[in-house]
Amino acid sequence: MFYVGVTSDLINRAEEHKSKKYPHSFTAKYNCNKLVYFEFFTRIEEAISREKQLKNWERSWKEALINKVNPFWKDLSMDPFFID
């Protein structure tokens, strides 16, 4: 299962998903707790537009996008460079 979303605080949001801070949320229900891909935008409008685009993509397209930058599907939130 894939979760696509927008946040202004990726580190905090990743931790919320891992800890299931919101137990009735989509991410808690489907155990989406691994960050395998992210993009940064300077304007929220751009981020929301990209979110809508990705949500309409086929699963295979999303997998190809992830594989391009993270072929081993490593949890990027566990990477020390992510936290800096």
PDB file of N, CA and C in Angstrom:
ATOM      1  N   MET A   1       0.844  -1.169   0.000  1.00  0.00           N
ATOM      2  CA  MET A   1       0.000   0.000   0.000  1.00  0.00           C
ATOM      3  C   MET A   1       0.889   1.231   0.000  1.00  0.00           C
ATOM      4  N   PHE A   2       0.514   2.226  -0.772  1.00  0.00           N
ATOM      5  CA  PHE A   2       1.243   3.492  -0.831  1.00  0.00           C
ATOM      6  C   PHE A   2       0.418   4.600  -0.195  1.00  0.00           C
ATOM      7  N   TYR A   3       1.110   5.484   0.486  1.00  0.00           N
ATOM      8  CA  TYR A   3       0.486   6.687   1.015  1.00  0.00           C
ATOM      9  C   TYR A   3       1.201   7.875   0.395  1.00  0.00           C
ATOM     10  N   VAL A   4       0.442   8.786  -0.153  1.00  0.00           N
ATOM     11  CA  VAL A   4       0.994  10.007  -0.737  1.00  0.00           C
ATOM     12  C   VAL A   4       0.372  11.162   0.020  1.00  0.00           C
ATOM     13  N   GLY A   5       1.216  12.067   0.521  1.00  0.00           N
ATOM     14  CA  GLY A   5       0.696  13.191   1.274  1.00  0.00           C
ATOM     15  C   GLY A   5       1.615  14.386   1.224  1.00  0.00           C
ATOM     16  N   VAL A   6       1.153  15.472   1.793  1.00  0.00           N
ATOM     17  CA  VAL A   6       1.903  16.729   1.850  1.00  0.00           C
ATOM     18  C   VAL A   6       2.050  17.119   3.315  1.00  0.00           C
ATOM     19  N   THR A   7       3.218  17.616   3.662  1.00  0.00           N
ATOM     20  CA  THR A   7       3.463  18.118   5.009  1.00  0.00           C
ATOM     21  C   THR A   7       4.513  19.215   4.968  1.00  0.00           C
ATOM     22  N   SER A   8       4.486  20.070   5.958  1.00  0.00           N
ATOM     23  CA  SER A   8       5.522  21.096   6.076  1.00  0.00           C
ATOM     24  C   SER A   8       6.617  20.654   7.044  1.00  0.00           C
ATOM     25  N   ASP A   9       6.450  19.476   7.647  1.00  0.00           N
ATOM     26  CA  ASP A   9       7.424  18.957   8.614  1.00  0.00           C
ATOM     27  C   ASP A   9       7.568  17.448   8.414  1.00  0.00           C
ATOM     28  N   LEU A  10       8.388  17.072   7.464  1.00  0.00           N
ATOM     29  CA  LEU A  10       8.511  15.665   7.075  1.00  0.00           C
ATOM     30  C   LEU A  10       9.037  14.786   8.199  1.00  0.00           C
ATOM     31  N   ILE A  11      10.011  15.259   8.947  1.00  0.00           N
ATOM     32  CA  ILE A  11      10.571  14.455  10.040  1.00  0.00           C
ATOM     33  C   ILE A  11       9.496  14.138  11.073  1.00  0.00           C
ATOM     34  N   ASN A  12       8.754  15.150  11.481  1.00  0.00           N
ATOM     35  CA  ASN A  12       7.682  14.950  12.457  1.00  0.00           C
ATOM     36  C   ASN A  12       6.590  14.043  11.902  1.00  0.00           C
ATOM     37  N   ARG A  13       6.201  14.261  10.643  1.00  0.00           N
ATOM     38  CA  ARG A  13       5.136  13.445  10.049  1.00  0.00           C
ATOM     39  C   ARG A  13       5.553  11.976   9.958  1.00  0.00           C
ATOM     40  N   ALA A  14       6.804  11.725   9.589  1.00  0.00           N
ATOM     41  CA  ALA A  14       7.294  10.345   9.515  1.00  0.00           C
ATOM     42  C   ALA A  14       7.207   9.680  10.884  1.00  0.00           C
ATOM     43  N   GLU A  15       7.568  10.403  11.922  1.00  0.00           N
ATOM     44  CA  GLU A  15       7.494   9.861  13.280  1.00  0.00           C
ATOM     45  C   GLU A  15       6.047   9.606  13.695  1.00  0.00           C
ATOM     46  N   GLU A  16       5.139  10.490  13.311  1.00  0.00           N
ATOM     47  CA  GLU A  16       3.722  10.284  13.627  1.00  0.00           C
ATOM     48  C   GLU A  16       3.204   9.007  12.976  1.00  0.00           C
ATOM     49  N   HIS A  17       3.607   8.753  11.748  1.00  0.00           N
ATOM     50  CA  HIS A  17       3.163   7.535  11.065  1.00  0.00           C
ATOM     51  C   HIS A  17       3.757   6.294  11.721  1.00  0.00           C
ATOM     52  N   LYS A  18       5.027   6.355  12.064  1.00  0.00           N
ATOM     53  CA  LYS A  18       5.677   5.204  12.698  1.00  0.00           C
ATOM     54  C   LYS A  18       5.046   4.868  14.054  1.00  0.00           C
ATOM     55  N   SER A  19       4.726   5.897  14.825  1.00  0.00           N
ATOM     56  CA  SER A  19       4.169   5.685  16.169  1.00  0.00           C
ATOM     57  C   SER A  19       2.649   5.488  16.154  1.00  0.00           C
ATOM     58  N   LYS A  20       2.051   5.601  14.968  1.00  0.00           N
ATOM     59  CA  LYS A  20       0.591   5.497  14.835  1.00  0.00           C
ATOM     60  C   LYS A  20      -0.115   6.486  15.768  1.00  0.00           C
ATOM     61  N   LYS A  21       0.378   7.722  15.739  1.00  0.00           N
ATOM     62  CA  LYS A  21      -0.185   8.776  16.586  1.00  0.00           C
ATOM     63  C   LYS A  21      -1.689   8.919  16.373  1.00  0.00           C
ATOM     64  N   TYR A  22      -2.125   8.715  15.154  1.00  0.00           N
ATOM     65  CA  TYR A  22      -3.552   8.777  14.829  1.00  0.00           C
ATOM     66  C   TYR A  22      -4.009   7.362  14.476  1.00  0.00           C
ATOM     67  N   PRO A  23      -4.462   6.589  15.460  1.00  0.00           N
ATOM     68  CA  PRO A  23      -4.720   5.157  15.269  1.00  0.00           C
ATOM     69  C   PRO A  23      -5.800   4.808  14.254  1.00  0.00           C
ATOM     70  N   HIS A  24      -6.646   5.747  13.895  1.00  0.00           N
ATOM     71  CA  HIS A  24      -7.712   5.460  12.926  1.00  0.00           C
ATOM     72  C   HIS A  24      -7.393   6.001  11.537  1.00  0.00           C
ATOM     73  N   SER A  25      -6.173   6.472  11.357  1.00  0.00           N
ATOM     74  CA  SER A  25      -5.783   7.045  10.068  1.00  0.00           C
ATOM     75  C   SER A  25      -5.495   5.956   9.041  1.00  0.00           C
ATOM     76  N   PHE A  26      -5.432   6.365   7.790  1.00  0.00           N
ATOM     77  CA  PHE A  26      -5.091   5.451   6.690  1.00  0.00           C
ATOM     78  C   PHE A  26      -3.747   4.780   6.943  1.00  0.00           C
ATOM     79  N   THR A  27      -2.763   5.573   7.359  1.00  0.00           N
ATOM     80  CA  THR A  27      -1.414   5.016   7.541  1.00  0.00           C
ATOM     81  C   THR A  27      -1.362   4.018   8.690  1.00  0.00           C
ATOM     82  N   ALA A  28      -2.124   4.242   9.730  1.00  0.00           N
ATOM     83  CA  ALA A  28      -2.167   3.280  10.836  1.00  0.00           C
ATOM     84  C   ALA A  28      -2.911   2.014  10.415  1.00  0.00           C
ATOM     85  N   LYS A  29      -4.024   2.203   9.742  1.00  0.00           N
ATOM     86  CA  LYS A  29      -4.843   1.060   9.315  1.00  0.00           C
ATOM     87  C   LYS A  29      -4.068   0.123   8.398  1.00  0.00           C
ATOM     88  N   TYR A  30      -3.285   0.691   7.475  1.00  0.00           N
ATOM     89  CA  TYR A  30      -2.557  -0.125   6.501  1.00  0.00           C
ATOM     90  C   TYR A  30      -1.070  -0.261   6.820  1.00  0.00           C
ATOM     91  N   ASN A  31      -0.685   0.153   8.032  1.00  0.00           N
ATOM     92  CA  ASN A  31       0.687   0.017   8.511  1.00  0.00           C
ATOM     93  C   ASN A  31       1.708   0.663   7.556  1.00  0.00           C
ATOM     94  N   CYS A  32       1.384   1.838   7.076  1.00  0.00           N
ATOM     95  CA  CYS A  32       2.302   2.604   6.216  1.00  0.00           C
ATOM     96  C   CYS A  32       3.239   3.388   7.124  1.00  0.00           C
ATOM     97  N   ASN A  33       4.423   2.869   7.337  1.00  0.00           N
ATOM     98  CA  ASN A  33       5.325   3.515   8.286  1.00  0.00           C
ATOM     99  C   ASN A  33       6.760   3.582   7.783  1.00  0.00           C
ATOM    100  N   LYS A  34       6.963   3.426   6.499  1.00  0.00           N
ATOM    101  CA  LYS A  34       8.291   3.444   5.917  1.00  0.00           C
ATOM    102  C   LYS A  34       8.352   4.539   4.857  1.00  0.00           C
ATOM    103  N   LEU A  35       9.276   5.476   5.027  1.00  0.00           N
ATOM    104  CA  LEU A  35       9.440   6.565   4.066  1.00  0.00           C
ATOM    105  C   LEU A  35      10.424   6.113   2.995  1.00  0.00           C
ATOM    106  N   VAL A  36       9.941   5.901   1.786  1.00  0.00           N
ATOM    107  CA  VAL A  36      10.804   5.403   0.709  1.00  0.00           C
ATOM    108  C   VAL A  36      11.039   6.426  -0.390  1.00  0.00           C
ATOM    109  N   TYR A  37      10.309   7.534  -0.357  1.00  0.00           N
ATOM    110  CA  TYR A  37      10.458   8.558  -1.398  1.00  0.00           C
ATOM    111  C   TYR A  37       9.875   9.863  -0.892  1.00  0.00           C
ATOM    112  N   PHE A  38      10.520  10.965  -1.229  1.00  0.00           N
ATOM    113  CA  PHE A  38       9.951  12.270  -0.930  1.00  0.00           C
ATOM    114  C   PHE A  38      10.509  13.296  -1.895  1.00  0.00           C
ATOM    115  N   GLU A  39       9.797  14.393  -2.011  1.00  0.00           N
ATOM    116  CA  GLU A  39      10.209  15.527  -2.834  1.00  0.00           C
ATOM    117  C   GLU A  39      10.009  16.788  -2.008  1.00  0.00           C
ATOM    118  N   PHE A  40      10.875  17.772  -2.228  1.00  0.00           N
ATOM    119  CA  PHE A  40      10.730  19.070  -1.575  1.00  0.00           C
ATOM    120  C   PHE A  40      10.243  20.108  -2.572  1.00  0.00           C
ATOM    121  N   PHE A  41       9.406  21.015  -2.102  1.00  0.00           N
ATOM    122  CA  PHE A  41       8.904  22.115  -2.914  1.00  0.00           C
ATOM    123  C   PHE A  41       8.997  23.399  -2.097  1.00  0.00           C
ATOM    124  N   THR A  42       9.203  24.503  -2.761  1.00  0.00           N
ATOM    125  CA  THR A  42       9.280  25.780  -2.055  1.00  0.00           C
ATOM    126  C   THR A  42       7.894  26.396  -1.855  1.00  0.00           C
ATOM    127  N   ARG A  43       6.956  26.013  -2.701  1.00  0.00           N
ATOM    128  CA  ARG A  43       5.597  26.555  -2.596  1.00  0.00           C
ATOM    129  C   ARG A  43       4.603  25.429  -2.342  1.00  0.00           C
ATOM    130  N   ILE A  44       3.713  25.633  -1.387  1.00  0.00           N
ATOM    131  CA  ILE A  44       2.730  24.614  -1.028  1.00  0.00           C
ATOM    132  C   ILE A  44       1.836  24.258  -2.209  1.00  0.00           C
ATOM    133  N   GLU A  45       1.559  25.231  -3.062  1.00  0.00           N
ATOM    134  CA  GLU A  45       0.708  24.965  -4.225  1.00  0.00           C
ATOM    135  C   GLU A  45       1.352  23.929  -5.152  1.00  0.00           C
ATOM    136  N   GLU A  46       2.659  24.010  -5.292  1.00  0.00           N
ATOM    137  CA  GLU A  46       3.392  23.037  -6.121  1.00  0.00           C
ATOM    138  C   GLU A  46       3.332  21.648  -5.491  1.00  0.00           C
ATOM    139  N   ALA A  47       3.489  21.601  -4.178  1.00  0.00           N
ATOM    140  CA  ALA A  47       3.445  20.318  -3.468  1.00  0.00           C
ATOM    141  C   ALA A  47       2.075  19.667  -3.597  1.00  0.00           C
ATOM    142  N   ILE A  48       1.040  20.441  -3.436  1.00  0.00           N
ATOM    143  CA  ILE A  48      -0.327  19.913  -3.544  1.00  0.00           C
ATOM    144  C   ILE A  48      -0.610  19.434  -4.965  1.00  0.00           C
ATOM    145  N   SER A  49      -0.158  20.177  -5.947  1.00  0.00           N
ATOM    146  CA  SER A  49      -0.335  19.775  -7.341  1.00  0.00           C
ATOM    147  C   SER A  49       0.360  18.445  -7.619  1.00  0.00           C
ATOM    148  N   ARG A  50       1.581  18.304  -7.112  1.00  0.00           N
ATOM    149  CA  ARG A  50       2.333  17.055  -7.307  1.00  0.00           C
ATOM    150  C   ARG A  50       1.661  15.905  -6.562  1.00  0.00           C
ATOM    151  N   GLU A  51       1.160  16.158  -5.371  1.00  0.00           N
ATOM    152  CA  GLU A  51       0.449  15.133  -4.606  1.00  0.00           C
ATOM    153  C   GLU A  51      -0.745  14.606  -5.403  1.00  0.00           C
ATOM    154  N   LYS A  52      -1.521  15.511  -5.961  1.00  0.00           N
ATOM    155  CA  LYS A  52      -2.693  15.110  -6.749  1.00  0.00           C
ATOM    156  C   LYS A  52      -2.269  14.300  -7.971  1.00  0.00           C
ATOM    157  N   GLN A  53      -1.182  14.722  -8.596  1.00  0.00           N
ATOM    158  CA  GLN A  53      -0.677  13.998  -9.761  1.00  0.00           C
ATOM    159  C   GLN A  53      -0.290  12.568  -9.371  1.00  0.00           C
ATOM    160  N   LEU A  54       0.489  12.425  -8.311  1.00  0.00           N
ATOM    161  CA  LEU A  54       0.955  11.099  -7.897  1.00  0.00           C
ATOM    162  C   LEU A  54      -0.195  10.202  -7.450  1.00  0.00           C
ATOM    163  N   LYS A  55      -1.189  10.777  -6.817  1.00  0.00           N
ATOM    164  CA  LYS A  55      -2.329   9.972  -6.367  1.00  0.00           C
ATOM    165  C   LYS A  55      -3.087   9.366  -7.546  1.00  0.00           C
ATOM    166  N   ASN A  56      -2.976   9.986  -8.703  1.00  0.00           N
ATOM    167  CA  ASN A  56      -3.648   9.458  -9.891  1.00  0.00           C
ATOM    168  C   ASN A  56      -2.786   8.498 -10.704  1.00  0.00           C
ATOM    169  N   TRP A  57      -1.562   8.336 -10.312  1.00  0.00           N
ATOM    170  CA  TRP A  57      -0.656   7.433 -11.030  1.00  0.00           C
ATOM    171  C   TRP A  57      -0.999   5.971 -10.767  1.00  0.00           C
ATOM    172  N   GLU A  58      -0.643   5.131 -11.706  1.00  0.00           N
ATOM    173  CA  GLU A  58      -0.756   3.685 -11.512  1.00  0.00           C
ATOM    174  C   GLU A  58       0.329   3.242 -10.535  1.00  0.00           C
ATOM    175  N   ARG A  59       0.061   2.128  -9.871  1.00  0.00           N
ATOM    176  CA  ARG A  59       1.022   1.605  -8.896  1.00  0.00           C
ATOM    177  C   ARG A  59       2.388   1.362  -9.539  1.00  0.00           C
ATOM    178  N   SER A  60       2.408   0.815 -10.737  1.00  0.00           N
ATOM    179  CA  SER A  60       3.679   0.504 -11.397  1.00  0.00           C
ATOM    180  C   SER A  60       4.505   1.764 -11.658  1.00  0.00           C
ATOM    181  N   TRP A  61       3.846   2.873 -11.925  1.00  0.00           N
ATOM    182  CA  TRP A  61       4.560   4.137 -12.152  1.00  0.00           C
ATOM    183  C   TRP A  61       5.190   4.620 -10.845  1.00  0.00           C
ATOM    184  N   LYS A  62       4.444   4.480  -9.748  1.00  0.00           N
ATOM    185  CA  LYS A  62       4.977   4.873  -8.438  1.00  0.00           C
ATOM    186  C   LYS A  62       6.168   3.990  -8.063  1.00  0.00           C
ATOM    187  N   GLU A  63       6.037   2.705  -8.314  1.00  0.00           N
ATOM    188  CA  GLU A  63       7.140   1.788  -8.020  1.00  0.00           C
ATOM    189  C   GLU A  63       8.384   2.147  -8.831  1.00  0.00           C
ATOM    190  N   ALA A  64       8.202   2.480 -10.087  1.00  0.00           N
ATOM    191  CA  ALA A  64       9.333   2.858 -10.942  1.00  0.00           C
ATOM    192  C   ALA A  64      10.000   4.133 -10.426  1.00  0.00           C
ATOM    193  N   LEU A  65       9.207   5.090  -9.981  1.00  0.00           N
ATOM    194  CA  LEU A  65       9.741   6.332  -9.429  1.00  0.00           C
ATOM    195  C   LEU A  65      10.577   6.052  -8.182  1.00  0.00           C
ATOM    196  N   ILE A  66      10.063   5.222  -7.297  1.00  0.00           N
ATOM    197  CA  ILE A  66      10.786   4.858  -6.074  1.00  0.00           C
ATOM    198  C   ILE A  66      12.058   4.096  -6.428  1.00  0.00           C
ATOM    199  N   ASN A  67      11.942   3.117  -7.320  1.00  0.00           N
ATOM    200  CA  ASN A  67      13.097   2.304  -7.698  1.00  0.00           C
ATOM    201  C   ASN A  67      14.229   3.127  -8.297  1.00  0.00           C
ATOM    202  N   LYS A  68      13.866   4.202  -8.953  1.00  0.00           N
ATOM    203  CA  LYS A  68      14.864   5.067  -9.589  1.00  0.00           C
ATOM    204  C   LYS A  68      15.794   5.714  -8.565  1.00  0.00           C
ATOM    205  N   VAL A  69      15.242   6.130  -7.428  1.00  0.00           N
ATOM    206  CA  VAL A  69      16.039   6.838  -6.418  1.00  0.00           C
ATOM    207  C   VAL A  69      16.341   6.005  -5.175  1.00  0.00           C
ATOM    208  N   ASN A  70      15.577   4.949  -4.957  1.00  0.00           N
ATOM    209  CA  ASN A  70      15.739   4.136  -3.752  1.00  0.00           C
ATOM    210  C   ASN A  70      15.470   2.667  -4.100  1.00  0.00           C
ATOM    211  N   PRO A  71      16.372   2.053  -4.886  1.00  0.00           N
ATOM    212  CA  PRO A  71      16.110   0.706  -5.410  1.00  0.00           C
ATOM    213  C   PRO A  71      15.958  -0.388  -4.351  1.00  0.00           C
ATOM    214  N   PHE A  72      16.467  -0.157  -3.156  1.00  0.00           N
ATOM    215  CA  PHE A  72      16.342  -1.166  -2.104  1.00  0.00           C
ATOM    216  C   PHE A  72      15.205  -0.846  -1.133  1.00  0.00           C
ATOM    217  N   TRP A  73      14.448   0.177  -1.446  1.00  0.00           N
ATOM    218  CA  TRP A  73      13.305   0.602  -0.638  1.00  0.00           C
ATOM    219  C   TRP A  73      13.710   0.793   0.830  1.00  0.00           C
ATOM    220  N   LYS A  74      14.872   1.392   1.016  1.00  0.00           N
ATOM    221  CA  LYS A  74      15.379   1.691   2.346  1.00  0.00           C
ATOM    222  C   LYS A  74      14.469   2.721   3.004  1.00  0.00           C
ATOM    223  N   ASP A  75      14.259   2.584   4.311  1.00  0.00           N
ATOM    224  CA  ASP A  75      13.471   3.565   5.056  1.00  0.00           C
ATOM    225  C   ASP A  75      14.322   4.819   5.214  1.00  0.00           C
ATOM    226  N   LEU A  76      14.013   5.834   4.435  1.00  0.00           N
ATOM    227  CA  LEU A  76      14.824   7.043   4.401  1.00  0.00           C
ATOM    228  C   LEU A  76      14.763   7.828   5.706  1.00  0.00           C
ATOM    229  N   SER A  77      13.710   7.642   6.471  1.00  0.00           N
ATOM    230  CA  SER A  77      13.614   8.354   7.744  1.00  0.00           C
ATOM    231  C   SER A  77      14.600   7.801   8.771  1.00  0.00           C
ATOM    232  N   MET A  78      15.168   6.638   8.507  1.00  0.00           N
ATOM    233  CA  MET A  78      16.154   6.037   9.409  1.00  0.00           C
ATOM    234  C   MET A  78      17.579   6.421   9.031  1.00  0.00           C
ATOM    235  N   ASP A  79      17.729   7.141   7.951  1.00  0.00           N
ATOM    236  CA  ASP A  79      19.042   7.556   7.467  1.00  0.00           C
ATOM    237  C   ASP A  79      19.502   8.784   8.255  1.00  0.00           C
ATOM    238  N   PRO A  80      20.712   8.748   8.823  1.00  0.00           N
ATOM    239  CA  PRO A  80      21.175   9.907   9.600  1.00  0.00           C
ATOM    240  C   PRO A  80      21.229  11.197   8.792  1.00  0.00           C
ATOM    241  N   PHE A  81      21.423  11.116   7.477  1.00  0.00           N
ATOM    242  CA  PHE A  81      21.451  12.319   6.653  1.00  0.00           C
ATOM    243  C   PHE A  81      20.063  12.925   6.509  1.00  0.00           C
ATOM    244  N   PHE A  82      19.039  12.132   6.673  1.00  0.00           N
ATOM    245  CA  PHE A  82      17.664  12.616   6.575  1.00  0.00           C
ATOM    246  C   PHE A  82      17.359  13.557   7.750  1.00  0.00           C
ATOM    247  N   ILE A  83      17.858  13.213   8.906  1.00  0.00           N
ATOM    248  CA  ILE A  83      17.543  13.962  10.131  1.00  0.00           C
ATOM    249  C   ILE A  83      18.263  15.302  10.163  1.00  0.00           C
ATOM    250  N   ASP A  84      19.417  15.414   9.543  1.00  0.00           N
ATOM    251  CA  ASP A  84      20.174  16.678   9.558  1.00  0.00           C
ATOM    252  C   ASP A  84      19.475  17.780   8.819  1.00  0.00           C
TER     253      ASP A  84
END
